[in-house]
Amino acid sequence: MDMIRIHSGKLRAIGYDASKRILRVELEDGCTLEHLNVGESLWRNLKNASAQWSYYRDNIEDEFTVHRVSNKAPSGKNPLDDLFGPT
């Protein structure tokens, strides 16, 4: 599934599998969730929303069965540390 990188509220990436009707979202804490049976029109609306985090919370977050795909926590490492050292 192709993911689109975004920065909206707690959302960091979104993707959709039309054949399986699965919406995947990656949150700022590194957690990845899959929402089942999401229609393509909701995906398009989310992708094109001016406030994607608000649209997600209002229309998707609690409305669909969800599976946690990843509990991956961010490493906490700043990529600039490799260039400039930790602050």
PDB file of N, CA and C in Angstrom:
ATOM      1  N   MET A   1       0.849  -1.176   0.000  1.00  0.00           N
ATOM      2  CA  MET A   1       0.000   0.000   0.000  1.00  0.00           C
ATOM      3  C   MET A   1       0.892   1.235   0.000  1.00  0.00           C
ATOM      4  N   ASP A   2       0.642   2.129  -0.920  1.00  0.00           N
ATOM      5  CA  ASP A   2       1.387   3.381  -0.966  1.00  0.00           C
ATOM      6  C   ASP A   2       0.872   4.308   0.130  1.00  0.00           C
ATOM      7  N   MET A   3       1.801   4.926   0.826  1.00  0.00           N
ATOM      8  CA  MET A   3       1.450   5.855   1.888  1.00  0.00           C
ATOM      9  C   MET A   3       1.810   7.269   1.457  1.00  0.00           C
ATOM     10  N   ILE A   4       0.960   8.204   1.819  1.00  0.00           N
ATOM     11  CA  ILE A   4       1.186   9.615   1.540  1.00  0.00           C
ATOM     12  C   ILE A   4       1.641  10.262   2.839  1.00  0.00           C
ATOM     13  N   ARG A   5       2.818  10.852   2.834  1.00  0.00           N
ATOM     14  CA  ARG A   5       3.335  11.541   4.021  1.00  0.00           C
ATOM     15  C   ARG A   5       2.591  12.864   4.186  1.00  0.00           C
ATOM     16  N   ILE A   6       2.106  13.096   5.403  1.00  0.00           N
ATOM     17  CA  ILE A   6       1.405  14.342   5.715  1.00  0.00           C
ATOM     18  C   ILE A   6       1.848  14.821   7.081  1.00  0.00           C
ATOM     19  N   HIS A   7       1.470  16.018   7.421  1.00  0.00           N
ATOM     20  CA  HIS A   7       1.698  16.554   8.760  1.00  0.00           C
ATOM     21  C   HIS A   7       0.435  17.317   9.138  1.00  0.00           C
ATOM     22  N   SER A   8      -0.504  16.592   9.740  1.00  0.00           N
ATOM     23  CA  SER A   8      -1.782  17.188  10.117  1.00  0.00           C
ATOM     24  C   SER A   8      -2.194  16.639  11.470  1.00  0.00           C
ATOM     25  N   GLY A   9      -2.135  17.470  12.492  1.00  0.00           N
ATOM     26  CA  GLY A   9      -2.450  17.002  13.836  1.00  0.00           C
ATOM     27  C   GLY A   9      -1.527  15.859  14.208  1.00  0.00           C
ATOM     28  N   LYS A  10      -2.103  14.707  14.576  1.00  0.00           N
ATOM     29  CA  LYS A  10      -1.302  13.538  14.935  1.00  0.00           C
ATOM     30  C   LYS A  10      -1.050  12.614  13.755  1.00  0.00           C
ATOM     31  N   LEU A  11      -1.602  12.919  12.591  1.00  0.00           N
ATOM     32  CA  LEU A  11      -1.398  12.081  11.397  1.00  0.00           C
ATOM     33  C   LEU A  11      -0.054  12.388  10.753  1.00  0.00           C
ATOM     34  N   ARG A  12       0.677  11.316  10.396  1.00  0.00           N
ATOM     35  CA  ARG A  12       1.961  11.472   9.710  1.00  0.00           C
ATOM     36  C   ARG A  12       1.955  10.829   8.329  1.00  0.00           C
ATOM     37  N   ALA A  13       1.048   9.857   8.094  1.00  0.00           N
ATOM     38  CA  ALA A  13       0.938   9.236   6.776  1.00  0.00           C
ATOM     39  C   ALA A  13      -0.427   8.574   6.671  1.00  0.00           C
ATOM     40  N   ILE A  14      -0.949   8.528   5.435  1.00  0.00           N
ATOM     41  CA  ILE A  14      -2.226   7.875   5.173  1.00  0.00           C
ATOM     42  C   ILE A  14      -2.103   7.078   3.871  1.00  0.00           C
ATOM     43  N   GLY A  15      -2.828   5.973   3.798  1.00  0.00           N
ATOM     44  CA  GLY A  15      -2.831   5.156   2.590  1.00  0.00           C
ATOM     45  C   GLY A  15      -4.137   4.379   2.507  1.00  0.00           C
ATOM     46  N   TYR A  16      -4.451   3.896   1.296  1.00  0.00           N
ATOM     47  CA  TYR A  16      -5.724   3.204   1.098  1.00  0.00           C
ATOM     48  C   TYR A  16      -5.551   2.076   0.095  1.00  0.00           C
ATOM     49  N   ASP A  17      -6.133   0.926   0.420  1.00  0.00           N
ATOM     50  CA  ASP A  17      -6.181  -0.217  -0.482  1.00  0.00           C
ATOM     51  C   ASP A  17      -7.634  -0.373  -0.916  1.00  0.00           C
ATOM     52  N   ALA A  18      -7.924   0.048  -2.138  1.00  0.00           N
ATOM     53  CA  ALA A  18      -9.304   0.043  -2.640  1.00  0.00           C
ATOM     54  C   ALA A  18      -9.868  -1.370  -2.770  1.00  0.00           C
ATOM     55  N   SER A  19      -9.043  -2.336  -3.159  1.00  0.00           N
ATOM     56  CA  SER A  19      -9.544  -3.698  -3.351  1.00  0.00           C
ATOM     57  C   SER A  19      -9.946  -4.346  -2.027  1.00  0.00           C
ATOM     58  N   LYS A  20      -9.292  -3.952  -0.932  1.00  0.00           N
ATOM     59  CA  LYS A  20      -9.600  -4.519   0.390  1.00  0.00           C
ATOM     60  C   LYS A  20     -10.392  -3.555   1.267  1.00  0.00           C
ATOM     61  N   ARG A  21     -10.559  -2.311   0.790  1.00  0.00           N
ATOM     62  CA  ARG A  21     -11.274  -1.262   1.529  1.00  0.00           C
ATOM     63  C   ARG A  21     -10.642  -1.020   2.904  1.00  0.00           C
ATOM     64  N   ILE A  22      -9.309  -0.950   2.914  1.00  0.00           N
ATOM     65  CA  ILE A  22      -8.559  -0.724   4.153  1.00  0.00           C
ATOM     66  C   ILE A  22      -7.884   0.645   4.093  1.00  0.00           C
ATOM     67  N   LEU A  23      -8.123   1.429   5.127  1.00  0.00           N
ATOM     68  CA  LEU A  23      -7.447   2.711   5.295  1.00  0.00           C
ATOM     69  C   LEU A  23      -6.369   2.522   6.351  1.00  0.00           C
ATOM     70  N   ARG A  24      -5.146   2.873   6.022  1.00  0.00           N
ATOM     71  CA  ARG A  24      -4.033   2.766   6.969  1.00  0.00           C
ATOM     72  C   ARG A  24      -3.593   4.175   7.345  1.00  0.00           C
ATOM     73  N   VAL A  25      -3.415   4.404   8.639  1.00  0.00           N
ATOM     74  CA  VAL A  25      -2.927   5.697   9.112  1.00  0.00           C
ATOM     75  C   VAL A  25      -1.730   5.476  10.024  1.00  0.00           C
ATOM     76  N   GLU A  26      -0.767   6.340   9.897  1.00  0.00           N
ATOM     77  CA  GLU A  26       0.404   6.328  10.781  1.00  0.00           C
ATOM     78  C   GLU A  26       0.322   7.581  11.637  1.00  0.00           C
ATOM     79  N   LEU A  27       0.424   7.392  12.943  1.00  0.00           N
ATOM     80  CA  LEU A  27       0.316   8.496  13.881  1.00  0.00           C
ATOM     81  C   LEU A  27       1.694   8.997  14.295  1.00  0.00           C
ATOM     82  N   GLU A  28       1.729  10.170  14.901  1.00  0.00           N
ATOM     83  CA  GLU A  28       3.007  10.793  15.265  1.00  0.00           C
ATOM     84  C   GLU A  28       3.811   9.970  16.263  1.00  0.00           C
ATOM     85  N   ASP A  29       3.143   9.101  17.042  1.00  0.00           N
ATOM     86  CA  ASP A  29       3.874   8.281  18.008  1.00  0.00           C
ATOM     87  C   ASP A  29       4.455   7.013  17.379  1.00  0.00           C
ATOM     88  N   GLY A  30       4.298   6.866  16.059  1.00  0.00           N
ATOM     89  CA  GLY A  30       4.834   5.712  15.355  1.00  0.00           C
ATOM     90  C   GLY A  30       3.853   4.568  15.211  1.00  0.00           C
ATOM     91  N   CYS A  31       2.704   4.656  15.853  1.00  0.00           N
ATOM     92  CA  CYS A  31       1.680   3.619  15.785  1.00  0.00           C
ATOM     93  C   CYS A  31       1.014   3.638  14.400  1.00  0.00           C
ATOM     94  N   THR A  32       0.790   2.447  13.844  1.00  0.00           N
ATOM     95  CA  THR A  32       0.094   2.329  12.566  1.00  0.00           C
ATOM     96  C   THR A  32      -1.205   1.570  12.787  1.00  0.00           C
ATOM     97  N   LEU A  33      -2.304   2.146  12.280  1.00  0.00           N
ATOM     98  CA  LEU A  33      -3.633   1.556  12.433  1.00  0.00           C
ATOM     99  C   LEU A  33      -4.246   1.291  11.069  1.00  0.00           C
ATOM    100  N   GLU A  34      -5.024   0.204  10.969  1.00  0.00           N
ATOM    101  CA  GLU A  34      -5.789  -0.077   9.758  1.00  0.00           C
ATOM    102  C   GLU A  34      -7.268  -0.084  10.106  1.00  0.00           C
ATOM    103  N   HIS A  35      -8.018   0.714   9.365  1.00  0.00           N
ATOM    104  CA  HIS A  35      -9.473   0.777   9.524  1.00  0.00           C
ATOM    105  C   HIS A  35     -10.091  -0.047   8.399  1.00  0.00           C
ATOM    106  N   LEU A  36     -11.015  -0.947   8.760  1.00  0.00           N
ATOM    107  CA  LEU A  36     -11.606  -1.884   7.800  1.00  0.00           C
ATOM    108  C   LEU A  36     -12.921  -1.356   7.238  1.00  0.00           C
ATOM    109  N   ASN A  37     -13.206  -1.751   5.997  1.00  0.00           N
ATOM    110  CA  ASN A  37     -14.465  -1.430   5.306  1.00  0.00           C
ATOM    111  C   ASN A  37     -14.693   0.067   5.112  1.00  0.00           C
ATOM    112  N   VAL A  38     -13.630   0.789   4.832  1.00  0.00           N
ATOM    113  CA  VAL A  38     -13.724   2.225   4.574  1.00  0.00           C
ATOM    114  C   VAL A  38     -13.968   2.422   3.082  1.00  0.00           C
ATOM    115  N   GLY A  39     -15.017   3.155   2.759  1.00  0.00           N
ATOM    116  CA  GLY A  39     -15.358   3.416   1.368  1.00  0.00           C
ATOM    117  C   GLY A  39     -14.375   4.353   0.690  1.00  0.00           C
ATOM    118  N   GLU A  40     -14.299   4.214  -0.610  1.00  0.00           N
ATOM    119  CA  GLU A  40     -13.356   5.025  -1.384  1.00  0.00           C
ATOM    120  C   GLU A  40     -13.671   6.516  -1.300  1.00  0.00           C
ATOM    121  N   SER A  41     -14.938   6.870  -1.176  1.00  0.00           N
ATOM    122  CA  SER A  41     -15.296   8.293  -1.079  1.00  0.00           C
ATOM    123  C   SER A  41     -14.758   8.909   0.210  1.00  0.00           C
ATOM    124  N   LEU A  42     -14.787   8.148   1.320  1.00  0.00           N
ATOM    125  CA  LEU A  42     -14.201   8.658   2.561  1.00  0.00           C
ATOM    126  C   LEU A  42     -12.696   8.836   2.419  1.00  0.00           C
ATOM    127  N   TRP A  43     -12.035   7.891   1.737  1.00  0.00           N
ATOM    128  CA  TRP A  43     -10.598   8.016   1.483  1.00  0.00           C
ATOM    129  C   TRP A  43     -10.300   9.288   0.690  1.00  0.00           C
ATOM    130  N   ARG A  44     -11.054   9.508  -0.371  1.00  0.00           N
ATOM    131  CA  ARG A  44     -10.835  10.714  -1.191  1.00  0.00           C
ATOM    132  C   ARG A  44     -11.059  11.976  -0.360  1.00  0.00           C
ATOM    133  N   ASN A  45     -12.123  11.971   0.445  1.00  0.00           N
ATOM    134  CA  ASN A  45     -12.405  13.140   1.285  1.00  0.00           C
ATOM    135  C   ASN A  45     -11.287  13.393   2.290  1.00  0.00           C
ATOM    136  N   LEU A  46     -10.776  12.318   2.901  1.00  0.00           N
ATOM    137  CA  LEU A  46      -9.670  12.465   3.849  1.00  0.00           C
ATOM    138  C   LEU A  46      -8.429  13.006   3.146  1.00  0.00           C
ATOM    139  N   LYS A  47      -8.099  12.397   2.031  1.00  0.00           N
ATOM    140  CA  LYS A  47      -6.895  12.788   1.290  1.00  0.00           C
ATOM    141  C   LYS A  47      -6.951  14.253   0.860  1.00  0.00           C
ATOM    142  N   ASN A  48      -8.145  14.731   0.527  1.00  0.00           N
ATOM    143  CA  ASN A  48      -8.290  16.090   0.003  1.00  0.00           C
ATOM    144  C   ASN A  48      -8.736  17.112   1.038  1.00  0.00           C
ATOM    145  N   ALA A  49      -8.942  16.687   2.272  1.00  0.00           N
ATOM    146  CA  ALA A  49      -9.422  17.603   3.315  1.00  0.00           C
ATOM    147  C   ALA A  49      -8.365  18.657   3.642  1.00  0.00           C
ATOM    148  N   SER A  50      -8.821  19.854   3.923  1.00  0.00           N
ATOM    149  CA  SER A  50      -7.880  20.914   4.310  1.00  0.00           C
ATOM    150  C   SER A  50      -7.377  20.698   5.730  1.00  0.00           C
ATOM    151  N   ALA A  51      -8.171  20.021   6.559  1.00  0.00           N
ATOM    152  CA  ALA A  51      -7.777  19.682   7.927  1.00  0.00           C
ATOM    153  C   ALA A  51      -7.942  18.170   8.080  1.00  0.00           C
ATOM    154  N   GLN A  52      -6.955  17.415   7.609  1.00  0.00           N
ATOM    155  CA  GLN A  52      -7.054  15.954   7.562  1.00  0.00           C
ATOM    156  C   GLN A  52      -7.226  15.324   8.943  1.00  0.00           C
ATOM    157  N   TRP A  53      -6.539  15.835   9.944  1.00  0.00           N
ATOM    158  CA  TRP A  53      -6.675  15.285  11.296  1.00  0.00           C
ATOM    159  C   TRP A  53      -8.108  15.449  11.794  1.00  0.00           C
ATOM    160  N   SER A  54      -8.702  16.609  11.589  1.00  0.00           N
ATOM    161  CA  SER A  54     -10.085  16.847  12.012  1.00  0.00           C
ATOM    162  C   SER A  54     -11.047  15.936  11.252  1.00  0.00           C
ATOM    163  N   TYR A  55     -10.828  15.803   9.961  1.00  0.00           N
ATOM    164  CA  TYR A  55     -11.702  14.924   9.166  1.00  0.00           C
ATOM    165  C   TYR A  55     -11.593  13.486   9.660  1.00  0.00           C
ATOM    166  N   TYR A  56     -10.380  13.035   9.914  1.00  0.00           N
ATOM    167  CA  TYR A  56     -10.153  11.678  10.414  1.00  0.00           C
ATOM    168  C   TYR A  56     -10.879  11.468  11.744  1.00  0.00           C
ATOM    169  N   ARG A  57     -10.684  12.382  12.681  1.00  0.00           N
ATOM    170  CA  ARG A  57     -11.319  12.261  14.003  1.00  0.00           C
ATOM    171  C   ARG A  57     -12.842  12.261  13.894  1.00  0.00           C
ATOM    172  N   ASP A  58     -13.387  13.129  13.071  1.00  0.00           N
ATOM    173  CA  ASP A  58     -14.840  13.300  12.989  1.00  0.00           C
ATOM    174  C   ASP A  58     -15.539  12.200  12.194  1.00  0.00           C
ATOM    175  N   ASN A  59     -14.860  11.618  11.205  1.00  0.00           N
ATOM    176  CA  ASN A  59     -15.547  10.720  10.273  1.00  0.00           C
ATOM    177  C   ASN A  59     -15.043   9.290  10.231  1.00  0.00           C
ATOM    178  N   ILE A  60     -13.874   9.026  10.785  1.00  0.00           N
ATOM    179  CA  ILE A  60     -13.266   7.701  10.615  1.00  0.00           C
ATOM    180  C   ILE A  60     -12.846   7.067  11.936  1.00  0.00           C
ATOM    181  N   GLU A  61     -12.174   7.793  12.783  1.00  0.00           N
ATOM    182  CA  GLU A  61     -11.493   7.241  13.961  1.00  0.00           C
ATOM    183  C   GLU A  61     -12.351   6.258  14.762  1.00  0.00           C
ATOM    184  N   ASP A  62     -13.552   6.625  15.131  1.00  0.00           N
ATOM    185  CA  ASP A  62     -14.398   5.767  15.962  1.00  0.00           C
ATOM    186  C   ASP A  62     -15.531   5.103  15.190  1.00  0.00           C
ATOM    187  N   GLU A  63     -15.529   5.232  13.880  1.00  0.00           N
ATOM    188  CA  GLU A  63     -16.640   4.730  13.078  1.00  0.00           C
ATOM    189  C   GLU A  63     -16.387   3.369  12.440  1.00  0.00           C
ATOM    190  N   PHE A  64     -15.133   2.921  12.408  1.00  0.00           N
ATOM    191  CA  PHE A  64     -14.777   1.686  11.705  1.00  0.00           C
ATOM    192  C   PHE A  64     -13.968   0.762  12.607  1.00  0.00           C
ATOM    193  N   THR A  65     -14.084  -0.540  12.330  1.00  0.00           N
ATOM    194  CA  THR A  65     -13.252  -1.520  13.027  1.00  0.00           C
ATOM    195  C   THR A  65     -11.796  -1.192  12.745  1.00  0.00           C
ATOM    196  N   VAL A  66     -10.985  -1.229  13.793  1.00  0.00           N
ATOM    197  CA  VAL A  66      -9.584  -0.852  13.641  1.00  0.00           C
ATOM    198  C   VAL A  66      -8.685  -1.962  14.178  1.00  0.00           C
ATOM    199  N   HIS A  67      -7.560  -2.160  13.496  1.00  0.00           N
ATOM    200  CA  HIS A  67      -6.529  -3.095  13.940  1.00  0.00           C
ATOM    201  C   HIS A  67      -5.220  -2.334  14.052  1.00  0.00           C
ATOM    202  N   ARG A  68      -4.535  -2.541  15.159  1.00  0.00           N
ATOM    203  CA  ARG A  68      -3.214  -1.939  15.336  1.00  0.00           C
ATOM    204  C   ARG A  68      -2.216  -2.806  14.574  1.00  0.00           C
ATOM    205  N   VAL A  69      -1.540  -2.208  13.614  1.00  0.00           N
ATOM    206  CA  VAL A  69      -0.567  -2.921  12.790  1.00  0.00           C
ATOM    207  C   VAL A  69       0.817  -2.832  13.415  1.00  0.00           C
ATOM    208  N   SER A  70       1.109  -1.696  14.017  1.00  0.00           N
ATOM    209  CA  SER A  70       2.447  -1.471  14.566  1.00  0.00           C
ATOM    210  C   SER A  70       2.346  -0.623  15.813  1.00  0.00           C
ATOM    211  N   ASN A  71       3.124  -0.989  16.805  1.00  0.00           N
ATOM    212  CA  ASN A  71       3.259  -0.190  18.019  1.00  0.00           C
ATOM    213  C   ASN A  71       4.586   0.534  18.032  1.00  0.00           C
ATOM    214  N   LYS A  72       5.235   0.559  16.890  1.00  0.00           N
ATOM    215  CA  LYS A  72       6.583   1.106  16.809  1.00  0.00           C
ATOM    216  C   LYS A  72       6.635   2.510  17.389  1.00  0.00           C
ATOM    217  N   ALA A  73       7.425   2.665  18.397  1.00  0.00           N
ATOM    218  CA  ALA A  73       7.636   3.988  18.977  1.00  0.00           C
ATOM    219  C   ALA A  73       8.784   4.653  18.249  1.00  0.00           C
ATOM    220  N   PRO A  74       8.719   5.952  18.058  1.00  0.00           N
ATOM    221  CA  PRO A  74       9.826   6.637  17.396  1.00  0.00           C
ATOM    222  C   PRO A  74      11.108   6.501  18.205  1.00  0.00           C
ATOM    223  N   SER A  75      12.211   6.491  17.511  1.00  0.00           N
ATOM    224  CA  SER A  75      13.496   6.287  18.174  1.00  0.00           C
ATOM    225  C   SER A  75      13.882   7.463  19.054  1.00  0.00           C
ATOM    226  N   GLY A  76      13.316   8.626  18.761  1.00  0.00           N
ATOM    227  CA  GLY A  76      13.664   9.816  19.532  1.00  0.00           C
ATOM    228  C   GLY A  76      14.935  10.467  19.039  1.00  0.00           C
ATOM    229  N   LYS A  77      15.582   9.859  18.060  1.00  0.00           N
ATOM    230  CA  LYS A  77      16.823  10.406  17.531  1.00  0.00           C
ATOM    231  C   LYS A  77      16.505  11.467  16.496  1.00  0.00           C
ATOM    232  N   ASN A  78      17.125  12.580  16.646  1.00  0.00           N
ATOM    233  CA  ASN A  78      16.988  13.656  15.687  1.00  0.00           C
ATOM    234  C   ASN A  78      17.947  13.378  14.539  1.00  0.00           C
ATOM    235  N   PRO A  79      17.465  13.345  13.285  1.00  0.00           N
ATOM    236  CA  PRO A  79      18.365  13.043  12.163  1.00  0.00           C
ATOM    237  C   PRO A  79      19.501  14.061  12.002  1.00  0.00           C
ATOM    238  N   LEU A  80      19.326  15.246  12.557  1.00  0.00           N
ATOM    239  CA  LEU A  80      20.385  16.255  12.466  1.00  0.00           C
ATOM    240  C   LEU A  80      21.541  15.955  13.425  1.00  0.00           C
ATOM    241  N   ASP A  81      21.298  15.060  14.399  1.00  0.00           N
ATOM    242  CA  ASP A  81      22.384  14.688  15.326  1.00  0.00           C
ATOM    243  C   ASP A  81      23.579  14.117  14.588  1.00  0.00           C
ATOM    244  N   ASP A  82      23.333  13.400  13.482  1.00  0.00           N
ATOM    245  CA  ASP A  82      24.438  12.836  12.707  1.00  0.00           C
ATOM    246  C   ASP A  82      25.317  13.923  12.098  1.00  0.00           C
ATOM    247  N   LEU A  83      24.718  15.058  11.816  1.00  0.00           N
ATOM    248  CA  LEU A  83      25.479  16.167  11.228  1.00  0.00           C
ATOM    249  C   LEU A  83      26.104  17.074  12.279  1.00  0.00           C
ATOM    250  N   PHE A  84      25.342  17.392  13.326  1.00  0.00           N
ATOM    251  CA  PHE A  84      25.760  18.424  14.255  1.00  0.00           C
ATOM    252  C   PHE A  84      25.986  17.928  15.678  1.00  0.00           C
ATOM    253  N   GLY A  85      25.664  16.668  15.949  1.00  0.00           N
ATOM    254  CA  GLY A  85      25.770  16.137  17.312  1.00  0.00           C
ATOM    255  C   GLY A  85      24.525  16.507  18.106  1.00  0.00           C
ATOM    256  N   PRO A  86      24.269  15.766  19.181  1.00  0.00           N
ATOM    257  CA  PRO A  86      23.081  16.061  19.992  1.00  0.00           C
ATOM    258  C   PRO A  86      23.209  17.404  20.686  1.00  0.00           C
ATOM    259  N   THR A  87      22.057  18.014  20.925  1.00  0.00           N
ATOM    260  CA  THR A  87      22.060  19.340  21.591  1.00  0.00           C
ATOM    261  C   THR A  87      21.908  19.191  23.069  1.00  0.00           C
TER     262      THR A  87
END
